[in-house]
């Protein structure tokens, strides 16, 4: 998988972009499992991608749902068995 960030928020620690091999859009954030920090990637629609680029509050709403693991069906890949917590 080749993730290419198009926009990010340093303050809120998330990014949006496109996975270049599948052409799927994503929102991602860092997580830490006690050993390593890694990114969790959640699929978003093209419309969400375009909206999030200009509407931070909508992006933050979905970001929070992802961090609370309420959007698991959107995961682009399953994290390891020792899943971390958002940073």
PDB file of N, CA and C in Angstrom:
ATOM      1  N   UNK A   1       0.847  -1.179   0.000  1.00  0.00           N
ATOM      2  CA  UNK A   1       0.000   0.000   0.000  1.00  0.00           C
ATOM      3  C   UNK A   1       0.891   1.240   0.000  1.00  0.00           C
ATOM      4  N   UNK A   2       0.487   2.221  -0.789  1.00  0.00           N
ATOM      5  CA  UNK A   2       1.227   3.478  -0.890  1.00  0.00           C
ATOM      6  C   UNK A   2       0.305   4.622  -0.483  1.00  0.00           C
ATOM      7  N   UNK A   3       0.456   5.063   0.748  1.00  0.00           N
ATOM      8  CA  UNK A   3      -0.372   6.140   1.273  1.00  0.00           C
ATOM      9  C   UNK A   3       0.295   7.479   0.980  1.00  0.00           C
ATOM     10  N   UNK A   4      -0.458   8.388   0.382  1.00  0.00           N
ATOM     11  CA  UNK A   4       0.064   9.712   0.063  1.00  0.00           C
ATOM     12  C   UNK A   4      -0.828  10.759   0.718  1.00  0.00           C
ATOM     13  N   UNK A   5      -0.284  11.395   1.748  1.00  0.00           N
ATOM     14  CA  UNK A   5      -1.026  12.445   2.444  1.00  0.00           C
ATOM     15  C   UNK A   5      -1.190  13.658   1.533  1.00  0.00           C
ATOM     16  N   UNK A   6      -2.389  14.200   1.504  1.00  0.00           N
ATOM     17  CA  UNK A   6      -2.668  15.405   0.728  1.00  0.00           C
ATOM     18  C   UNK A   6      -2.806  16.619   1.637  1.00  0.00           C
ATOM     19  N   UNK A   7      -3.238  16.384   2.868  1.00  0.00           N
ATOM     20  CA  UNK A   7      -3.430  17.456   3.830  1.00  0.00           C
ATOM     21  C   UNK A   7      -3.325  16.863   5.226  1.00  0.00           C
ATOM     22  N   UNK A   8      -2.906  17.665   6.170  1.00  0.00           N
ATOM     23  CA  UNK A   8      -2.791  17.177   7.542  1.00  0.00           C
ATOM     24  C   UNK A   8      -3.024  18.314   8.521  1.00  0.00           C
ATOM     25  N   UNK A   9      -3.311  17.913   9.749  1.00  0.00           N
ATOM     26  CA  UNK A   9      -3.439  18.874  10.836  1.00  0.00           C
ATOM     27  C   UNK A   9      -2.444  18.472  11.916  1.00  0.00           C
ATOM     28  N   UNK A  10      -1.421  19.267  12.070  1.00  0.00           N
ATOM     29  CA  UNK A  10      -0.432  19.002  13.118  1.00  0.00           C
ATOM     30  C   UNK A  10      -1.083  19.144  14.497  1.00  0.00           C
ATOM     31  N   UNK A  11      -1.950  20.135  14.614  1.00  0.00           N
ATOM     32  CA  UNK A  11      -2.633  20.387  15.887  1.00  0.00           C
ATOM     33  C   UNK A  11      -3.499  19.206  16.316  1.00  0.00           C
ATOM     34  N   UNK A  12      -4.254  18.629  15.379  1.00  0.00           N
ATOM     35  CA  UNK A  12      -5.189  17.546  15.696  1.00  0.00           C
ATOM     36  C   UNK A  12      -4.636  16.159  15.375  1.00  0.00           C
ATOM     37  N   UNK A  13      -3.425  16.109  14.850  1.00  0.00           N
ATOM     38  CA  UNK A  13      -2.694  14.863  14.565  1.00  0.00           C
ATOM     39  C   UNK A  13      -3.492  13.898  13.685  1.00  0.00           C
ATOM     40  N   UNK A  14      -3.857  14.359  12.497  1.00  0.00           N
ATOM     41  CA  UNK A  14      -4.474  13.465  11.524  1.00  0.00           C
ATOM     42  C   UNK A  14      -4.125  13.948  10.131  1.00  0.00           C
ATOM     43  N   UNK A  15      -4.311  13.081   9.161  1.00  0.00           N
ATOM     44  CA  UNK A  15      -4.096  13.456   7.767  1.00  0.00           C
ATOM     45  C   UNK A  15      -5.191  12.840   6.907  1.00  0.00           C
ATOM     46  N   UNK A  16      -5.366  13.424   5.726  1.00  0.00           N
ATOM     47  CA  UNK A  16      -6.239  12.842   4.716  1.00  0.00           C
ATOM     48  C   UNK A  16      -5.404  12.678   3.456  1.00  0.00           C
ATOM     49  N   UNK A  17      -5.756  11.695   2.659  1.00  0.00           N
ATOM     50  CA  UNK A  17      -4.997  11.468   1.442  1.00  0.00           C
ATOM     51  C   UNK A  17      -5.605  10.358   0.620  1.00  0.00           C
ATOM     52  N   UNK A  18      -4.768   9.792  -0.252  1.00  0.00           N
ATOM     53  CA  UNK A  18      -5.216   8.721  -1.140  1.00  0.00           C
ATOM     54  C   UNK A  18      -4.201   7.588  -1.115  1.00  0.00           C
ATOM     55  N   UNK A  19      -4.732   6.373  -1.078  1.00  0.00           N
ATOM     56  CA  UNK A  19      -3.883   5.184  -1.190  1.00  0.00           C
ATOM     57  C   UNK A  19      -3.729   4.955  -2.688  1.00  0.00           C
ATOM     58  N   UNK A  20      -2.512   5.113  -3.195  1.00  0.00           N
ATOM     59  CA  UNK A  20      -2.286   5.190  -4.633  1.00  0.00           C
ATOM     60  C   UNK A  20      -2.527   3.891  -5.394  1.00  0.00           C
ATOM     61  N   UNK A  21      -2.365   2.741  -4.782  1.00  0.00           N
ATOM     62  CA  UNK A  21      -2.558   1.477  -5.494  1.00  0.00           C
ATOM     63  C   UNK A  21      -4.039   1.153  -5.693  1.00  0.00           C
ATOM     64  N   UNK A  22      -4.864   1.488  -4.722  1.00  0.00           N
ATOM     65  CA  UNK A  22      -6.300   1.184  -4.807  1.00  0.00           C
ATOM     66  C   UNK A  22      -7.146   2.414  -5.168  1.00  0.00           C
ATOM     67  N   UNK A  23      -6.517   3.594  -5.128  1.00  0.00           N
ATOM     68  CA  UNK A  23      -7.221   4.867  -5.355  1.00  0.00           C
ATOM     69  C   UNK A  23      -8.331   5.106  -4.339  1.00  0.00           C
ATOM     70  N   UNK A  24      -8.138   4.604  -3.122  1.00  0.00           N
ATOM     71  CA  UNK A  24      -9.102   4.842  -2.044  1.00  0.00           C
ATOM     72  C   UNK A  24      -8.641   6.036  -1.213  1.00  0.00           C
ATOM     73  N   UNK A  25      -9.594   6.851  -0.818  1.00  0.00           N
ATOM     74  CA  UNK A  25      -9.310   8.001   0.029  1.00  0.00           C
ATOM     75  C   UNK A  25      -9.313   7.560   1.493  1.00  0.00           C
ATOM     76  N   UNK A  26      -8.553   8.273   2.323  1.00  0.00           N
ATOM     77  CA  UNK A  26      -8.461   7.878   3.732  1.00  0.00           C
ATOM     78  C   UNK A  26      -8.323   9.085   4.649  1.00  0.00           C
ATOM     79  N   UNK A  27      -8.628   8.819   5.910  1.00  0.00           N
ATOM     80  CA  UNK A  27      -8.265   9.691   7.017  1.00  0.00           C
ATOM     81  C   UNK A  27      -7.429   8.808   7.935  1.00  0.00           C
ATOM     82  N   UNK A  28      -6.342   9.345   8.480  1.00  0.00           N
ATOM     83  CA  UNK A  28      -5.466   8.531   9.329  1.00  0.00           C
ATOM     84  C   UNK A  28      -5.013   9.328  10.541  1.00  0.00           C
ATOM     85  N   UNK A  29      -4.585   8.585  11.546  1.00  0.00           N
ATOM     86  CA  UNK A  29      -4.060   9.194  12.762  1.00  0.00           C
ATOM     87  C   UNK A  29      -3.054   8.237  13.392  1.00  0.00           C
ATOM     88  N   UNK A  30      -2.124   8.756  14.191  1.00  0.00           N
ATOM     89  CA  UNK A  30      -1.144   7.890  14.836  1.00  0.00           C
ATOM     90  C   UNK A  30      -1.741   7.161  16.041  1.00  0.00           C
ATOM     91  N   UNK A  31      -1.240   5.964  16.249  1.00  0.00           N
ATOM     92  CA  UNK A  31      -1.612   5.158  17.420  1.00  0.00           C
ATOM     93  C   UNK A  31      -0.324   4.576  17.991  1.00  0.00           C
ATOM     94  N   UNK A  32      -0.360   4.225  19.269  1.00  0.00           N
ATOM     95  CA  UNK A  32       0.814   3.672  19.945  1.00  0.00           C
ATOM     96  C   UNK A  32       0.390   2.443  20.726  1.00  0.00           C
ATOM     97  N   UNK A  33       1.109   1.330  20.538  1.00  0.00           N
ATOM     98  CA  UNK A  33       0.747   0.082  21.214  1.00  0.00           C
ATOM     99  C   UNK A  33       1.708  -0.301  22.339  1.00  0.00           C
ATOM    100  N   UNK A  34       2.496   0.640  22.815  1.00  0.00           N
ATOM    101  CA  UNK A  34       3.441   0.360  23.885  1.00  0.00           C
ATOM    102  C   UNK A  34       4.818  -0.021  23.374  1.00  0.00           C
ATOM    103  N   UNK A  35       4.905  -0.332  22.093  1.00  0.00           N
ATOM    104  CA  UNK A  35       6.177  -0.709  21.478  1.00  0.00           C
ATOM    105  C   UNK A  35       6.521   0.236  20.334  1.00  0.00           C
ATOM    106  N   UNK A  36       5.537   0.492  19.498  1.00  0.00           N
ATOM    107  CA  UNK A  36       5.781   1.283  18.290  1.00  0.00           C
ATOM    108  C   UNK A  36       4.591   2.197  17.994  1.00  0.00           C
ATOM    109  N   UNK A  37       4.891   3.350  17.414  1.00  0.00           N
ATOM    110  CA  UNK A  37       3.838   4.239  16.928  1.00  0.00           C
ATOM    111  C   UNK A  37       3.585   3.898  15.464  1.00  0.00           C
ATOM    112  N   UNK A  38       2.334   3.831  15.084  1.00  0.00           N
ATOM    113  CA  UNK A  38       1.960   3.491  13.711  1.00  0.00           C
ATOM    114  C   UNK A  38       0.714   4.286  13.338  1.00  0.00           C
ATOM    115  N   UNK A  39       0.340   4.242  12.075  1.00  0.00           N
ATOM    116  CA  UNK A  39      -0.852   4.936  11.591  1.00  0.00           C
ATOM    117  C   UNK A  39      -2.008   3.959  11.425  1.00  0.00           C
ATOM    118  N   UNK A  40      -3.203   4.401  11.766  1.00  0.00           N
ATOM    119  CA  UNK A  40      -4.417   3.659  11.437  1.00  0.00           C
ATOM    120  C   UNK A  40      -5.110   4.430  10.318  1.00  0.00           C
ATOM    121  N   UNK A  41      -5.481   3.711   9.258  1.00  0.00           N
ATOM    122  CA  UNK A  41      -6.073   4.305   8.062  1.00  0.00           C
ATOM    123  C   UNK A  41      -7.519   3.854   7.908  1.00  0.00           C
ATOM    124  N   UNK A  42      -8.417   4.822   7.730  1.00  0.00           N
ATOM    125  CA  UNK A  42      -9.843   4.558   7.565  1.00  0.00           C
ATOM    126  C   UNK A  42     -10.292   5.111   6.215  1.00  0.00           C
ATOM    127  N   UNK A  43     -11.027   4.299   5.472  1.00  0.00           N
ATOM    128  CA  UNK A  43     -11.495   4.722   4.161  1.00  0.00           C
ATOM    129  C   UNK A  43     -12.570   5.797   4.282  1.00  0.00           C
ATOM    130  N   UNK A  44     -12.473   6.790   3.420  1.00  0.00           N
ATOM    131  CA  UNK A  44     -13.498   7.822   3.305  1.00  0.00           C
ATOM    132  C   UNK A  44     -13.885   7.929   1.826  1.00  0.00           C
ATOM    133  N   UNK A  45     -15.048   8.467   1.573  1.00  0.00           N
ATOM    134  CA  UNK A  45     -15.500   8.643   0.192  1.00  0.00           C
ATOM    135  C   UNK A  45     -14.796   9.855  -0.430  1.00  0.00           C
ATOM    136  N   UNK A  46     -14.884   9.949  -1.736  1.00  0.00           N
ATOM    137  CA  UNK A  46     -14.316  11.109  -2.416  1.00  0.00           C
ATOM    138  C   UNK A  46     -15.001  12.388  -1.937  1.00  0.00           C
ATOM    139  N   UNK A  47     -16.300  12.327  -1.732  1.00  0.00           N
ATOM    140  CA  UNK A  47     -17.029  13.507  -1.252  1.00  0.00           C
ATOM    141  C   UNK A  47     -16.550  13.920   0.139  1.00  0.00           C
ATOM    142  N   UNK A  48     -16.350  12.938   1.037  1.00  0.00           N
ATOM    143  CA  UNK A  48     -15.825  13.257   2.371  1.00  0.00           C
ATOM    144  C   UNK A  48     -14.433  13.873   2.248  1.00  0.00           C
ATOM    145  N   UNK A  49     -13.612  13.299   1.387  1.00  0.00           N
ATOM    146  CA  UNK A  49     -12.259  13.811   1.168  1.00  0.00           C
ATOM    147  C   UNK A  49     -12.305  15.286   0.764  1.00  0.00           C
ATOM    148  N   UNK A  50     -13.136  15.605  -0.208  1.00  0.00           N
ATOM    149  CA  UNK A  50     -13.249  16.989  -0.672  1.00  0.00           C
ATOM    150  C   UNK A  50     -13.812  17.890   0.422  1.00  0.00           C
ATOM    151  N   UNK A  51     -14.781  17.395   1.170  1.00  0.00           N
ATOM    152  CA  UNK A  51     -15.387  18.158   2.262  1.00  0.00           C
ATOM    153  C   UNK A  51     -14.388  18.396   3.391  1.00  0.00           C
ATOM    154  N   UNK A  52     -13.659  17.350   3.774  1.00  0.00           N
ATOM    155  CA  UNK A  52     -12.732  17.461   4.900  1.00  0.00           C
ATOM    156  C   UNK A  52     -11.604  18.438   4.608  1.00  0.00           C
ATOM    157  N   UNK A  53     -11.274  18.596   3.335  1.00  0.00           N
ATOM    158  CA  UNK A  53     -10.193  19.500   2.964  1.00  0.00           C
ATOM    159  C   UNK A  53     -10.536  20.945   3.312  1.00  0.00           C
ATOM    160  N   UNK A  54     -11.834  21.258   3.381  1.00  0.00           N
ATOM    161  CA  UNK A  54     -12.254  22.630   3.675  1.00  0.00           C
ATOM    162  C   UNK A  54     -13.105  22.752   4.934  1.00  0.00           C
ATOM    163  N   UNK A  55     -13.562  21.630   5.489  1.00  0.00           N
ATOM    164  CA  UNK A  55     -14.463  21.661   6.635  1.00  0.00           C
ATOM    165  C   UNK A  55     -13.870  20.836   7.780  1.00  0.00           C
ATOM    166  N   UNK A  56     -13.059  21.491   8.582  1.00  0.00           N
ATOM    167  CA  UNK A  56     -12.351  20.806   9.658  1.00  0.00           C
ATOM    168  C   UNK A  56     -13.297  20.159  10.657  1.00  0.00           C
ATOM    169  N   UNK A  57     -14.401  20.790  10.987  1.00  0.00           N
ATOM    170  CA  UNK A  57     -15.295  20.227  12.006  1.00  0.00           C
ATOM    171  C   UNK A  57     -15.862  18.879  11.574  1.00  0.00           C
ATOM    172  N   UNK A  58     -16.195  18.715  10.296  1.00  0.00           N
ATOM    173  CA  UNK A  58     -16.677  17.416   9.821  1.00  0.00           C
ATOM    174  C   UNK A  58     -15.579  16.365   9.907  1.00  0.00           C
ATOM    175  N   UNK A  59     -14.368  16.748   9.562  1.00  0.00           N
ATOM    176  CA  UNK A  59     -13.243  15.814   9.654  1.00  0.00           C
ATOM    177  C   UNK A  59     -13.017  15.394  11.105  1.00  0.00           C
ATOM    178  N   UNK A  60     -13.082  16.339  12.022  1.00  0.00           N
ATOM    179  CA  UNK A  60     -12.850  16.027  13.434  1.00  0.00           C
ATOM    180  C   UNK A  60     -13.939  15.125  14.003  1.00  0.00           C
ATOM    181  N   UNK A  61     -15.162  15.278  13.525  1.00  0.00           N
ATOM    182  CA  UNK A  61     -16.249  14.406  13.975  1.00  0.00           C
ATOM    183  C   UNK A  61     -15.969  12.963  13.586  1.00  0.00           C
ATOM    184  N   UNK A  62     -15.610  12.724  12.330  1.00  0.00           N
ATOM    185  CA  UNK A  62     -15.293  11.359  11.905  1.00  0.00           C
ATOM    186  C   UNK A  62     -14.029  10.868  12.594  1.00  0.00           C
ATOM    187  N   UNK A  63     -13.033  11.715  12.717  1.00  0.00           N
ATOM    188  CA  UNK A  63     -11.791  11.330  13.385  1.00  0.00           C
ATOM    189  C   UNK A  63     -12.075  10.804  14.791  1.00  0.00           C
ATOM    190  N   UNK A  64     -12.908  11.493  15.534  1.00  0.00           N
ATOM    191  CA  UNK A  64     -13.241  11.055  16.892  1.00  0.00           C
ATOM    192  C   UNK A  64     -13.938   9.701  16.877  1.00  0.00           C
ATOM    193  N   UNK A  65     -14.852   9.499  15.943  1.00  0.00           N
ATOM    194  CA  UNK A  65     -15.551   8.205  15.832  1.00  0.00           C
ATOM    195  C   UNK A  65     -14.557   7.085  15.518  1.00  0.00           C
ATOM    196  N   UNK A  66     -13.583   7.370  14.674  1.00  0.00           N
ATOM    197  CA  UNK A  66     -12.563   6.364  14.352  1.00  0.00           C
ATOM    198  C   UNK A  66     -11.712   6.058  15.585  1.00  0.00           C
ATOM    199  N   UNK A  67     -11.318   7.073  16.300  1.00  0.00           N
ATOM    200  CA  UNK A  67     -10.510   6.873  17.507  1.00  0.00           C
ATOM    201  C   UNK A  67     -11.271   6.088  18.566  1.00  0.00           C
ATOM    202  N   UNK A  68     -12.579   6.227  18.595  1.00  0.00           N
ATOM    203  CA  UNK A  68     -13.421   5.476  19.539  1.00  0.00           C
ATOM    204  C   UNK A  68     -13.785   4.095  18.997  1.00  0.00           C
ATOM    205  N   UNK A  69     -13.237   3.746  17.849  1.00  0.00           N
ATOM    206  CA  UNK A  69     -13.449   2.447  17.185  1.00  0.00           C
ATOM    207  C   UNK A  69     -14.916   2.218  16.820  1.00  0.00           C
ATOM    208  N   UNK A  70     -15.583   3.283  16.421  1.00  0.00           N
ATOM    209  CA  UNK A  70     -16.976   3.190  15.987  1.00  0.00           C
ATOM    210  C   UNK A  70     -17.101   3.125  14.465  1.00  0.00           C
ATOM    211  N   UNK A  71     -15.973   3.109  13.765  1.00  0.00           N
ATOM    212  CA  UNK A  71     -15.963   3.069  12.299  1.00  0.00           C
ATOM    213  C   UNK A  71     -15.056   1.947  11.796  1.00  0.00           C
ATOM    214  N   UNK A  72     -15.041   0.836  12.513  1.00  0.00           N
ATOM    215  CA  UNK A  72     -14.126  -0.265  12.183  1.00  0.00           C
ATOM    216  C   UNK A  72     -14.320  -0.812  10.770  1.00  0.00           C
ATOM    217  N   UNK A  73     -15.519  -0.738  10.240  1.00  0.00           N
ATOM    218  CA  UNK A  73     -15.763  -1.250   8.886  1.00  0.00           C
ATOM    219  C   UNK A  73     -15.020  -0.433   7.832  1.00  0.00           C
ATOM    220  N   UNK A  74     -14.547   0.739   8.197  1.00  0.00           N
ATOM    221  CA  UNK A  74     -13.808   1.596   7.266  1.00  0.00           C
ATOM    222  C   UNK A  74     -12.300   1.329   7.270  1.00  0.00           C
ATOM    223  N   UNK A  75     -11.795   0.535   8.194  1.00  0.00           N
ATOM    224  CA  UNK A  75     -10.352   0.285   8.257  1.00  0.00           C
ATOM    225  C   UNK A  75      -9.848  -0.244   6.920  1.00  0.00           C
ATOM    226  N   UNK A  76      -8.757   0.339   6.421  1.00  0.00           N
ATOM    227  CA  UNK A  76      -8.184  -0.131   5.160  1.00  0.00           C
ATOM    228  C   UNK A  76      -7.381  -1.408   5.357  1.00  0.00           C
ATOM    229  N   UNK A  77      -6.876  -1.627   6.558  1.00  0.00           N
ATOM    230  CA  UNK A  77      -6.237  -2.892   6.921  1.00  0.00           C
ATOM    231  C   UNK A  77      -6.352  -3.054   8.428  1.00  0.00           C
ATOM    232  N   UNK A  78      -6.373  -4.282   8.868  1.00  0.00           N
ATOM    233  CA  UNK A  78      -6.500  -4.557  10.298  1.00  0.00           C
ATOM    234  C   UNK A  78      -5.162  -4.345  11.001  1.00  0.00           C
ATOM    235  N   UNK A  79      -5.142  -3.590  12.084  1.00  0.00           N
ATOM    236  CA  UNK A  79      -3.920  -3.447  12.873  1.00  0.00           C
ATOM    237  C   UNK A  79      -3.521  -4.792  13.480  1.00  0.00           C
ATOM    238  N   UNK A  80      -2.332  -4.847  14.014  1.00  0.00           N
ATOM    239  CA  UNK A  80      -1.850  -6.090  14.616  1.00  0.00           C
ATOM    240  C   UNK A  80      -2.713  -6.484  15.813  1.00  0.00           C
ATOM    241  N   UNK A  81      -2.490  -7.674  16.307  1.00  0.00           N
ATOM    242  CA  UNK A  81      -3.231  -8.179  17.468  1.00  0.00           C
ATOM    243  C   UNK A  81      -3.054  -7.244  18.658  1.00  0.00           C
ATOM    244  N   UNK A  82      -1.848  -6.717  18.835  1.00  0.00           N
ATOM    245  CA  UNK A  82      -1.577  -5.772  19.927  1.00  0.00           C
ATOM    246  C   UNK A  82      -1.878  -4.359  19.423  1.00  0.00           C
ATOM    247  N   UNK A  83      -3.161  -4.072  19.329  1.00  0.00           N
ATOM    248  CA  UNK A  83      -3.606  -2.786  18.800  1.00  0.00           C
ATOM    249  C   UNK A  83      -3.374  -1.682  19.815  1.00  0.00           C
ATOM    250  N   UNK A  84      -2.955  -0.549  19.312  1.00  0.00           N
ATOM    251  CA  UNK A  84      -2.649   0.562  20.186  1.00  0.00           C
ATOM    252  C   UNK A  84      -3.814   1.502  20.412  1.00  0.00           C
ATOM    253  N   UNK A  85      -3.490   2.575  21.082  1.00  0.00           N
ATOM    254  CA  UNK A  85      -4.446   3.645  21.366  1.00  0.00           C
ATOM    255  C   UNK A  85      -4.027   4.883  20.595  1.00  0.00           C
ATOM    256  N   UNK A  86      -4.980   5.737  20.246  1.00  0.00           N
ATOM    257  CA  UNK A  86      -4.627   6.967  19.538  1.00  0.00           C
ATOM    258  C   UNK A  86      -3.642   7.806  20.341  1.00  0.00           C
ATOM    259  N   UNK A  87      -2.722   8.435  19.651  1.00  0.00           N
ATOM    260  CA  UNK A  87      -1.736   9.314  20.308  1.00  0.00           C
ATOM    261  C   UNK A  87      -2.296  10.706  20.463  1.00  0.00           C
TER     262      UNK A  87
END
